[in-house]
Amino acid sequence: GFVRNEQKSKAIMLYANAAAIMALLVIHGLRFGDN
């Protein structure tokens, strides 16, 4: 709502989604190793 630009907002959210997923993969790998 503050960004007030749908195209820019969607791009930000897509980048954030991808970054969060990558962070989750790293955290899962660090915690459980080979499992």
PDB file of all heavy atoms in Angstrom:
ATOM      1  N   GLY A   1       0.821  -1.207   0.000  1.00  0.00           N
ATOM      2  CA  GLY A   1       0.000   0.000   0.000  1.00  0.00           C
ATOM      3  C   GLY A   1       0.852   1.254   0.000  1.00  0.00           C
ATOM      4  O   GLY A   1       0.507   2.259  -0.640  1.00  0.00           O
ATOM      5  N   PHE A   2       2.003   1.206   0.696  1.00  0.00           N
ATOM      6  CA  PHE A   2       2.913   2.352   0.713  1.00  0.00           C
ATOM      7  C   PHE A   2       3.679   2.481  -0.610  1.00  0.00           C
ATOM      8  O   PHE A   2       3.972   3.585  -1.067  1.00  0.00           O
ATOM      9  CB  PHE A   2       3.906   2.223   1.872  1.00  0.00           C
ATOM     10  CG  PHE A   2       3.341   2.640   3.194  1.00  0.00           C
ATOM     11  CD1 PHE A   2       3.128   1.713   4.199  1.00  0.00           C
ATOM     12  CD2 PHE A   2       3.007   3.972   3.436  1.00  0.00           C
ATOM     13  CE1 PHE A   2       2.599   2.087   5.426  1.00  0.00           C
ATOM     14  CE2 PHE A   2       2.478   4.366   4.659  1.00  0.00           C
ATOM     15  CZ  PHE A   2       2.265   3.429   5.653  1.00  0.00           C
ATOM     16  N   VAL A   3       4.036   1.339  -1.225  1.00  0.00           N
ATOM     17  CA  VAL A   3       4.768   1.381  -2.485  1.00  0.00           C
ATOM     18  C   VAL A   3       3.922   2.017  -3.584  1.00  0.00           C
ATOM     19  O   VAL A   3       4.410   2.793  -4.418  1.00  0.00           O
ATOM     20  CB  VAL A   3       5.220  -0.029  -2.905  1.00  0.00           C
ATOM     21  CG1 VAL A   3       5.853  -0.024  -4.287  1.00  0.00           C
ATOM     22  CG2 VAL A   3       6.206  -0.597  -1.879  1.00  0.00           C
ATOM     23  N   ARG A   4       2.632   1.670  -3.600  1.00  0.00           N
ATOM     24  CA  ARG A   4       1.660   2.268  -4.529  1.00  0.00           C
ATOM     25  C   ARG A   4       2.040   2.092  -5.995  1.00  0.00           C
ATOM     26  O   ARG A   4       1.810   2.963  -6.839  1.00  0.00           O
ATOM     27  CB  ARG A   4       1.450   3.757  -4.213  1.00  0.00           C
ATOM     28  CG  ARG A   4       0.936   4.032  -2.814  1.00  0.00           C
ATOM     29  CD  ARG A   4       0.566   5.480  -2.615  1.00  0.00           C
ATOM     30  NE  ARG A   4      -0.572   5.827  -3.462  1.00  0.00           N
ATOM     31  CZ  ARG A   4      -1.848   5.536  -3.168  1.00  0.00           C
ATOM     32  NH1 ARG A   4      -2.139   4.884  -2.043  1.00  0.00           N
ATOM     33  NH2 ARG A   4      -2.819   5.881  -3.977  1.00  0.00           N
ATOM     34  N   ASN A   5       2.661   0.967  -6.291  1.00  0.00           N
ATOM     35  CA  ASN A   5       2.993   0.620  -7.665  1.00  0.00           C
ATOM     36  C   ASN A   5       2.907  -0.896  -7.773  1.00  0.00           C
ATOM     37  O   ASN A   5       3.764  -1.608  -7.251  1.00  0.00           O
ATOM     38  CB  ASN A   5       4.398   1.115  -8.024  1.00  0.00           C
ATOM     39  CG  ASN A   5       4.756   0.833  -9.479  1.00  0.00           C
ATOM     40  OD1 ASN A   5       4.674  -0.298  -9.948  1.00  0.00           O
ATOM     41  ND2 ASN A   5       5.175   1.876 -10.184  1.00  0.00           N
ATOM     42  N   GLU A   6       1.863  -1.383  -8.424  1.00  0.00           N
ATOM     43  CA  GLU A   6       1.605  -2.819  -8.439  1.00  0.00           C
ATOM     44  C   GLU A   6       2.734  -3.621  -9.067  1.00  0.00           C
ATOM     45  O   GLU A   6       3.099  -4.687  -8.576  1.00  0.00           O
ATOM     46  CB  GLU A   6       0.292  -3.095  -9.181  1.00  0.00           C
ATOM     47  CG  GLU A   6      -0.939  -2.575  -8.435  1.00  0.00           C
ATOM     48  CD  GLU A   6      -2.173  -2.601  -9.299  1.00  0.00           C
ATOM     49  OE1 GLU A   6      -2.629  -3.709  -9.628  1.00  0.00           O
ATOM     50  OE2 GLU A   6      -2.670  -1.527  -9.661  1.00  0.00           O
ATOM     51  N   GLN A   7       3.293  -3.099 -10.157  1.00  0.00           N
ATOM     52  CA  GLN A   7       4.376  -3.812 -10.820  1.00  0.00           C
ATOM     53  C   GLN A   7       5.605  -3.896  -9.927  1.00  0.00           C
ATOM     54  O   GLN A   7       6.213  -4.954  -9.771  1.00  0.00           O
ATOM     55  CB  GLN A   7       4.735  -3.113 -12.130  1.00  0.00           C
ATOM     56  CG  GLN A   7       5.808  -3.847 -12.933  1.00  0.00           C
ATOM     57  CD  GLN A   7       6.048  -3.188 -14.273  1.00  0.00           C
ATOM     58  OE1 GLN A   7       5.440  -2.187 -14.602  1.00  0.00           O
ATOM     59  NE2 GLN A   7       6.956  -3.767 -15.045  1.00  0.00           N
ATOM     60  N   LYS A   8       5.960  -2.779  -9.303  1.00  0.00           N
ATOM     61  CA  LYS A   8       7.112  -2.754  -8.412  1.00  0.00           C
ATOM     62  C   LYS A   8       6.859  -3.616  -7.189  1.00  0.00           C
ATOM     63  O   LYS A   8       7.748  -4.350  -6.728  1.00  0.00           O
ATOM     64  CB  LYS A   8       7.423  -1.312  -8.010  1.00  0.00           C
ATOM     65  CG  LYS A   8       8.684  -1.169  -7.168  1.00  0.00           C
ATOM     66  CD  LYS A   8       8.966   0.292  -6.866  1.00  0.00           C
ATOM     67  CE  LYS A   8      10.239   0.442  -6.039  1.00  0.00           C
ATOM     68  NZ  LYS A   8      10.517   1.882  -5.733  1.00  0.00           N
ATOM     69  N   SER A   9       5.658  -3.549  -6.627  1.00  0.00           N
ATOM     70  CA  SER A   9       5.320  -4.345  -5.445  1.00  0.00           C
ATOM     71  C   SER A   9       5.421  -5.835  -5.737  1.00  0.00           C
ATOM     72  O   SER A   9       5.970  -6.603  -4.942  1.00  0.00           O
ATOM     73  CB  SER A   9       3.910  -4.001  -4.963  1.00  0.00           C
ATOM     74  OG  SER A   9       3.839  -2.688  -4.477  1.00  0.00           O
ATOM     75  N   LYS A  10       4.887  -6.230  -6.895  1.00  0.00           N
ATOM     76  CA  LYS A  10       4.935  -7.646  -7.249  1.00  0.00           C
ATOM     77  C   LYS A  10       6.373  -8.114  -7.413  1.00  0.00           C
ATOM     78  O   LYS A  10       6.741  -9.195  -6.953  1.00  0.00           O
ATOM     79  CB  LYS A  10       4.143  -7.900  -8.525  1.00  0.00           C
ATOM     80  CG  LYS A  10       4.137  -9.375  -8.946  1.00  0.00           C
ATOM     81  CD  LYS A  10       3.293  -9.594 -10.180  1.00  0.00           C
ATOM     82  CE  LYS A  10       3.389 -11.046 -10.646  1.00  0.00           C
ATOM     83  NZ  LYS A  10       2.590 -11.287 -11.865  1.00  0.00           N
ATOM     84  N   ALA A  11       7.216  -7.277  -8.046  1.00  0.00           N
ATOM     85  CA  ALA A  11       8.619  -7.641  -8.224  1.00  0.00           C
ATOM     86  C   ALA A  11       9.318  -7.788  -6.875  1.00  0.00           C
ATOM     87  O   ALA A  11      10.076  -8.741  -6.652  1.00  0.00           O
ATOM     88  CB  ALA A  11       9.322  -6.595  -9.082  1.00  0.00           C
ATOM     89  N   ILE A  12       9.058  -6.859  -5.962  1.00  0.00           N
ATOM     90  CA  ILE A  12       9.651  -6.935  -4.620  1.00  0.00           C
ATOM     91  C   ILE A  12       9.234  -8.218  -3.915  1.00  0.00           C
ATOM     92  O   ILE A  12      10.053  -8.924  -3.310  1.00  0.00           O
ATOM     93  CB  ILE A  12       9.240  -5.701  -3.789  1.00  0.00           C
ATOM     94  CG1 ILE A  12       9.885  -4.432  -4.343  1.00  0.00           C
ATOM     95  CG2 ILE A  12       9.613  -5.892  -2.319  1.00  0.00           C
ATOM     96  CD1 ILE A  12       9.378  -3.167  -3.689  1.00  0.00           C
ATOM     97  N   MET A  13       7.937  -8.531  -3.999  1.00  0.00           N
ATOM     98  CA  MET A  13       7.425  -9.719  -3.316  1.00  0.00           C
ATOM     99  C   MET A  13       7.981 -10.996  -3.935  1.00  0.00           C
ATOM    100  O   MET A  13       8.265 -11.975  -3.222  1.00  0.00           O
ATOM    101  CB  MET A  13       5.901  -9.731  -3.357  1.00  0.00           C
ATOM    102  CG  MET A  13       5.237  -8.551  -2.642  1.00  0.00           C
ATOM    103  SD  MET A  13       5.731  -8.399  -0.916  1.00  0.00           S
ATOM    104  CE  MET A  13       5.067  -9.906  -0.247  1.00  0.00           C
ATOM    105  N   LEU A  14       8.157 -11.018  -5.254  1.00  0.00           N
ATOM    106  CA  LEU A  14       8.736 -12.198  -5.903  1.00  0.00           C
ATOM    107  C   LEU A  14      10.179 -12.401  -5.457  1.00  0.00           C
ATOM    108  O   LEU A  14      10.603 -13.524  -5.158  1.00  0.00           O
ATOM    109  CB  LEU A  14       8.649 -12.054  -7.416  1.00  0.00           C
ATOM    110  CG  LEU A  14       7.253 -12.232  -8.036  1.00  0.00           C
ATOM    111  CD1 LEU A  14       7.258 -11.827  -9.503  1.00  0.00           C
ATOM    112  CD2 LEU A  14       6.779 -13.673  -7.894  1.00  0.00           C
ATOM    113  N   TYR A  15      10.962 -11.311  -5.435  1.00  0.00           N
ATOM    114  CA  TYR A  15      12.338 -11.407  -4.950  1.00  0.00           C
ATOM    115  C   TYR A  15      12.360 -11.898  -3.493  1.00  0.00           C
ATOM    116  O   TYR A  15      13.183 -12.739  -3.110  1.00  0.00           O
ATOM    117  CB  TYR A  15      13.036 -10.048  -5.042  1.00  0.00           C
ATOM    118  CG  TYR A  15      13.564  -9.709  -6.414  1.00  0.00           C
ATOM    119  CD1 TYR A  15      13.219  -8.514  -7.042  1.00  0.00           C
ATOM    120  CD2 TYR A  15      14.443 -10.573  -7.083  1.00  0.00           C
ATOM    121  CE1 TYR A  15      13.711  -8.195  -8.307  1.00  0.00           C
ATOM    122  CE2 TYR A  15      14.938 -10.257  -8.343  1.00  0.00           C
ATOM    123  CZ  TYR A  15      14.577  -9.068  -8.944  1.00  0.00           C
ATOM    124  OH  TYR A  15      15.067  -8.754 -10.190  1.00  0.00           O
ATOM    125  N   ALA A  16      11.468 -11.351  -2.675  1.00  0.00           N
ATOM    126  CA  ALA A  16      11.420 -11.726  -1.259  1.00  0.00           C
ATOM    127  C   ALA A  16      11.045 -13.195  -1.098  1.00  0.00           C
ATOM    128  O   ALA A  16      11.606 -13.906  -0.250  1.00  0.00           O
ATOM    129  CB  ALA A  16      10.434 -10.831  -0.514  1.00  0.00           C
ATOM    130  N   ASN A  17      10.075 -13.674  -1.896  1.00  0.00           N
ATOM    131  CA  ASN A  17       9.694 -15.083  -1.853  1.00  0.00           C
ATOM    132  C   ASN A  17      10.873 -15.979  -2.200  1.00  0.00           C
ATOM    133  O   ASN A  17      11.149 -16.970  -1.506  1.00  0.00           O
ATOM    134  CB  ASN A  17       8.530 -15.353  -2.810  1.00  0.00           C
ATOM    135  CG  ASN A  17       7.166 -15.170  -2.180  1.00  0.00           C
ATOM    136  OD1 ASN A  17       6.704 -16.029  -1.435  1.00  0.00           O
ATOM    137  ND2 ASN A  17       6.526 -14.050  -2.459  1.00  0.00           N
ATOM    138  N   ALA A  18      11.576 -15.654  -3.287  1.00  0.00           N
ATOM    139  CA  ALA A  18      12.719 -16.460  -3.714  1.00  0.00           C
ATOM    140  C   ALA A  18      13.810 -16.458  -2.649  1.00  0.00           C
ATOM    141  O   ALA A  18      14.394 -17.508  -2.332  1.00  0.00           O
ATOM    142  CB  ALA A  18      13.258 -15.936  -5.043  1.00  0.00           C
ATOM    143  N   ALA A  19      14.083 -15.281  -2.069  1.00  0.00           N
ATOM    144  CA  ALA A  19      15.112 -15.189  -1.031  1.00  0.00           C
ATOM    145  C   ALA A  19      14.731 -15.998   0.203  1.00  0.00           C
ATOM    146  O   ALA A  19      15.582 -16.680   0.800  1.00  0.00           O
ATOM    147  CB  ALA A  19      15.331 -13.721  -0.661  1.00  0.00           C
ATOM    148  N   ALA A  20      13.469 -15.935   0.599  1.00  0.00           N
ATOM    149  CA  ALA A  20      13.011 -16.673   1.778  1.00  0.00           C
ATOM    150  C   ALA A  20      13.115 -18.179   1.554  1.00  0.00           C
ATOM    151  O   ALA A  20      13.520 -18.929   2.455  1.00  0.00           O
ATOM    152  CB  ALA A  20      11.579 -16.281   2.122  1.00  0.00           C
ATOM    153  N   ILE A  21      12.758 -18.630   0.359  1.00  0.00           N
ATOM    154  CA  ILE A  21      12.855 -20.063   0.053  1.00  0.00           C
ATOM    155  C   ILE A  21      14.307 -20.518   0.101  1.00  0.00           C
ATOM    156  O   ILE A  21      14.627 -21.582   0.652  1.00  0.00           O
ATOM    157  CB  ILE A  21      12.229 -20.362  -1.322  1.00  0.00           C
ATOM    158  CG1 ILE A  21      10.711 -20.161  -1.276  1.00  0.00           C
ATOM    159  CG2 ILE A  21      12.548 -21.791  -1.757  1.00  0.00           C
ATOM    160  CD1 ILE A  21      10.032 -20.266  -2.626  1.00  0.00           C
ATOM    161  N   MET A  22      15.207 -19.717  -0.487  1.00  0.00           N
ATOM    162  CA  MET A  22      16.627 -20.082  -0.457  1.00  0.00           C
ATOM    163  C   MET A  22      17.142 -20.114   0.980  1.00  0.00           C
ATOM    164  O   MET A  22      17.925 -21.000   1.349  1.00  0.00           O
ATOM    165  CB  MET A  22      17.431 -19.091  -1.299  1.00  0.00           C
ATOM    166  CG  MET A  22      17.092 -19.111  -2.787  1.00  0.00           C
ATOM    167  SD  MET A  22      17.231 -20.756  -3.525  1.00  0.00           S
ATOM    168  CE  MET A  22      18.980 -21.081  -3.305  1.00  0.00           C
ATOM    169  N   ALA A  23      16.711 -19.150   1.793  1.00  0.00           N
ATOM    170  CA  ALA A  23      17.120 -19.140   3.203  1.00  0.00           C
ATOM    171  C   ALA A  23      16.609 -20.387   3.914  1.00  0.00           C
ATOM    172  O   ALA A  23      17.334 -20.999   4.721  1.00  0.00           O
ATOM    173  CB  ALA A  23      16.586 -17.877   3.884  1.00  0.00           C
ATOM    174  N   LEU A  24      15.378 -20.781   3.630  1.00  0.00           N
ATOM    175  CA  LEU A  24      14.813 -21.992   4.237  1.00  0.00           C
ATOM    176  C   LEU A  24      15.622 -23.220   3.846  1.00  0.00           C
ATOM    177  O   LEU A  24      15.904 -24.082   4.692  1.00  0.00           O
ATOM    178  CB  LEU A  24      13.355 -22.150   3.802  1.00  0.00           C
ATOM    179  CG  LEU A  24      12.633 -23.418   4.256  1.00  0.00           C
ATOM    180  CD1 LEU A  24      12.613 -23.519   5.778  1.00  0.00           C
ATOM    181  CD2 LEU A  24      11.206 -23.450   3.705  1.00  0.00           C
ATOM    182  N   LEU A  25      16.011 -23.304   2.578  1.00  0.00           N
ATOM    183  CA  LEU A  25      16.807 -24.449   2.115  1.00  0.00           C
ATOM    184  C   LEU A  25      18.150 -24.506   2.830  1.00  0.00           C
ATOM    185  O   LEU A  25      18.612 -25.582   3.238  1.00  0.00           O
ATOM    186  CB  LEU A  25      17.005 -24.362   0.607  1.00  0.00           C
ATOM    187  CG  LEU A  25      15.761 -24.609  -0.261  1.00  0.00           C
ATOM    188  CD1 LEU A  25      16.065 -24.333  -1.727  1.00  0.00           C
ATOM    189  CD2 LEU A  25      15.257 -26.036  -0.091  1.00  0.00           C
ATOM    190  N   VAL A  26      18.790 -23.357   2.981  1.00  0.00           N
ATOM    191  CA  VAL A  26      20.084 -23.311   3.664  1.00  0.00           C
ATOM    192  C   VAL A  26      19.933 -23.723   5.128  1.00  0.00           C
ATOM    193  O   VAL A  26      20.717 -24.537   5.655  1.00  0.00           O
ATOM    194  CB  VAL A  26      20.705 -21.902   3.561  1.00  0.00           C
ATOM    195  CG1 VAL A  26      21.928 -21.785   4.459  1.00  0.00           C
ATOM    196  CG2 VAL A  26      21.089 -21.593   2.107  1.00  0.00           C
ATOM    197  N   ILE A  27      18.929 -23.173   5.800  1.00  0.00           N
ATOM    198  CA  ILE A  27      18.705 -23.491   7.220  1.00  0.00           C
ATOM    199  C   ILE A  27      18.386 -24.964   7.396  1.00  0.00           C
ATOM    200  O   ILE A  27      18.911 -25.630   8.313  1.00  0.00           O
ATOM    201  CB  ILE A  27      17.565 -22.615   7.777  1.00  0.00           C
ATOM    202  CG1 ILE A  27      18.005 -21.158   7.835  1.00  0.00           C
ATOM    203  CG2 ILE A  27      17.132 -23.095   9.152  1.00  0.00           C
ATOM    204  CD1 ILE A  27      16.878 -20.189   8.129  1.00  0.00           C
ATOM    205  N   HIS A  28      17.546 -25.512   6.526  1.00  0.00           N
ATOM    206  CA  HIS A  28      17.192 -26.937   6.607  1.00  0.00           C
ATOM    207  C   HIS A  28      18.432 -27.797   6.396  1.00  0.00           C
ATOM    208  O   HIS A  28      18.652 -28.795   7.115  1.00  0.00           O
ATOM    209  CB  HIS A  28      16.125 -27.255   5.558  1.00  0.00           C
ATOM    210  CG  HIS A  28      15.471 -28.592   5.737  1.00  0.00           C
ATOM    211  ND1 HIS A  28      15.940 -29.736   5.134  1.00  0.00           N
ATOM    212  CD2 HIS A  28      14.385 -28.983   6.463  1.00  0.00           C
ATOM    213  CE1 HIS A  28      15.175 -30.758   5.455  1.00  0.00           C
ATOM    214  NE2 HIS A  28      14.217 -30.328   6.270  1.00  0.00           N
ATOM    215  N   GLY A  29      19.267 -27.415   5.431  1.00  0.00           N
ATOM    216  CA  GLY A  29      20.478 -28.181   5.166  1.00  0.00           C
ATOM    217  C   GLY A  29      21.475 -28.111   6.310  1.00  0.00           C
ATOM    218  O   GLY A  29      22.093 -29.119   6.685  1.00  0.00           O
ATOM    219  N   LEU A  30      21.653 -26.914   6.889  1.00  0.00           N
ATOM    220  CA  LEU A  30      22.589 -26.756   7.997  1.00  0.00           C
ATOM    221  C   LEU A  30      22.137 -27.538   9.225  1.00  0.00           C
ATOM    222  O   LEU A  30      22.961 -28.105   9.956  1.00  0.00           O
ATOM    223  CB  LEU A  30      22.736 -25.273   8.348  1.00  0.00           C
ATOM    224  CG  LEU A  30      23.495 -24.410   7.327  1.00  0.00           C
ATOM    225  CD1 LEU A  30      23.448 -22.945   7.739  1.00  0.00           C
ATOM    226  CD2 LEU A  30      24.936 -24.885   7.186  1.00  0.00           C
ATOM    227  N   ARG A  31      20.842 -27.577   9.452  1.00  0.00           N
ATOM    228  CA  ARG A  31      20.348 -28.257  10.657  1.00  0.00           C
ATOM    229  C   ARG A  31      20.375 -29.773  10.504  1.00  0.00           C
ATOM    230  O   ARG A  31      20.737 -30.496  11.449  1.00  0.00           O
ATOM    231  CB  ARG A  31      18.937 -27.791  10.992  1.00  0.00           C
ATOM    232  CG  ARG A  31      18.431 -28.455  12.263  1.00  0.00           C
ATOM    233  CD  ARG A  31      17.076 -28.020  12.712  1.00  0.00           C
ATOM    234  NE  ARG A  31      16.711 -28.737  13.914  1.00  0.00           N
ATOM    235  CZ  ARG A  31      15.487 -28.785  14.417  1.00  0.00           C
ATOM    236  NH1 ARG A  31      14.513 -28.117  13.840  1.00  0.00           N
ATOM    237  NH2 ARG A  31      15.241 -29.474  15.515  1.00  0.00           N
ATOM    238  N   PHE A  32      20.016 -30.270   9.335  1.00  0.00           N
ATOM    239  CA  PHE A  32      19.831 -31.716   9.199  1.00  0.00           C
ATOM    240  C   PHE A  32      20.906 -32.399   8.360  1.00  0.00           C
ATOM    241  O   PHE A  32      20.899 -33.625   8.246  1.00  0.00           O
ATOM    242  CB  PHE A  32      18.448 -32.008   8.620  1.00  0.00           C
ATOM    243  CG  PHE A  32      17.321 -31.554   9.496  1.00  0.00           C
ATOM    244  CD1 PHE A  32      16.476 -30.523   9.100  1.00  0.00           C
ATOM    245  CD2 PHE A  32      17.106 -32.138  10.723  1.00  0.00           C
ATOM    246  CE1 PHE A  32      15.437 -30.096   9.908  1.00  0.00           C
ATOM    247  CE2 PHE A  32      16.066 -31.715  11.548  1.00  0.00           C
ATOM    248  CZ  PHE A  32      15.234 -30.696  11.142  1.00  0.00           C
ATOM    249  N   GLY A  33      21.818 -31.641   7.771  1.00  0.00           N
ATOM    250  CA  GLY A  33      22.940 -32.242   7.048  1.00  0.00           C
ATOM    251  C   GLY A  33      22.512 -33.165   5.928  1.00  0.00           C
ATOM    252  O   GLY A  33      21.647 -32.822   5.106  1.00  0.00           O
ATOM    253  N   ASP A  34      23.109 -34.363   5.901  1.00  0.00           N
ATOM    254  CA  ASP A  34      22.829 -35.317   4.824  1.00  0.00           C
ATOM    255  C   ASP A  34      21.363 -35.726   4.788  1.00  0.00           C
ATOM    256  O   ASP A  34      20.851 -36.113   3.727  1.00  0.00           O
ATOM    257  CB  ASP A  34      23.709 -36.564   4.986  1.00  0.00           C
ATOM    258  CG  ASP A  34      25.177 -36.263   4.737  1.00  0.00           C
ATOM    259  OD1 ASP A  34      25.462 -35.223   4.110  1.00  0.00           O
ATOM    260  OD2 ASP A  34      26.031 -37.065   5.187  1.00  0.00           O
ATOM    261  N   ASN A  35      20.677 -35.680   5.935  1.00  0.00           N
ATOM    262  CA  ASN A  35      19.254 -36.060   5.957  1.00  0.00           C
ATOM    263  C   ASN A  35      18.393 -35.121   5.120  1.00  0.00           C
ATOM    264  O   ASN A  35      17.302 -35.496   4.696  1.00  0.00           O
ATOM    265  CB  ASN A  35      18.742 -36.071   7.401  1.00  0.00           C
ATOM    266  CG  ASN A  35      19.317 -37.210   8.211  1.00  0.00           C
ATOM    267  OD1 ASN A  35      19.371 -38.343   7.752  1.00  0.00           O
ATOM    268  ND2 ASN A  35      19.786 -36.912   9.413  1.00  0.00           N
TER     269      ASN A  35
END
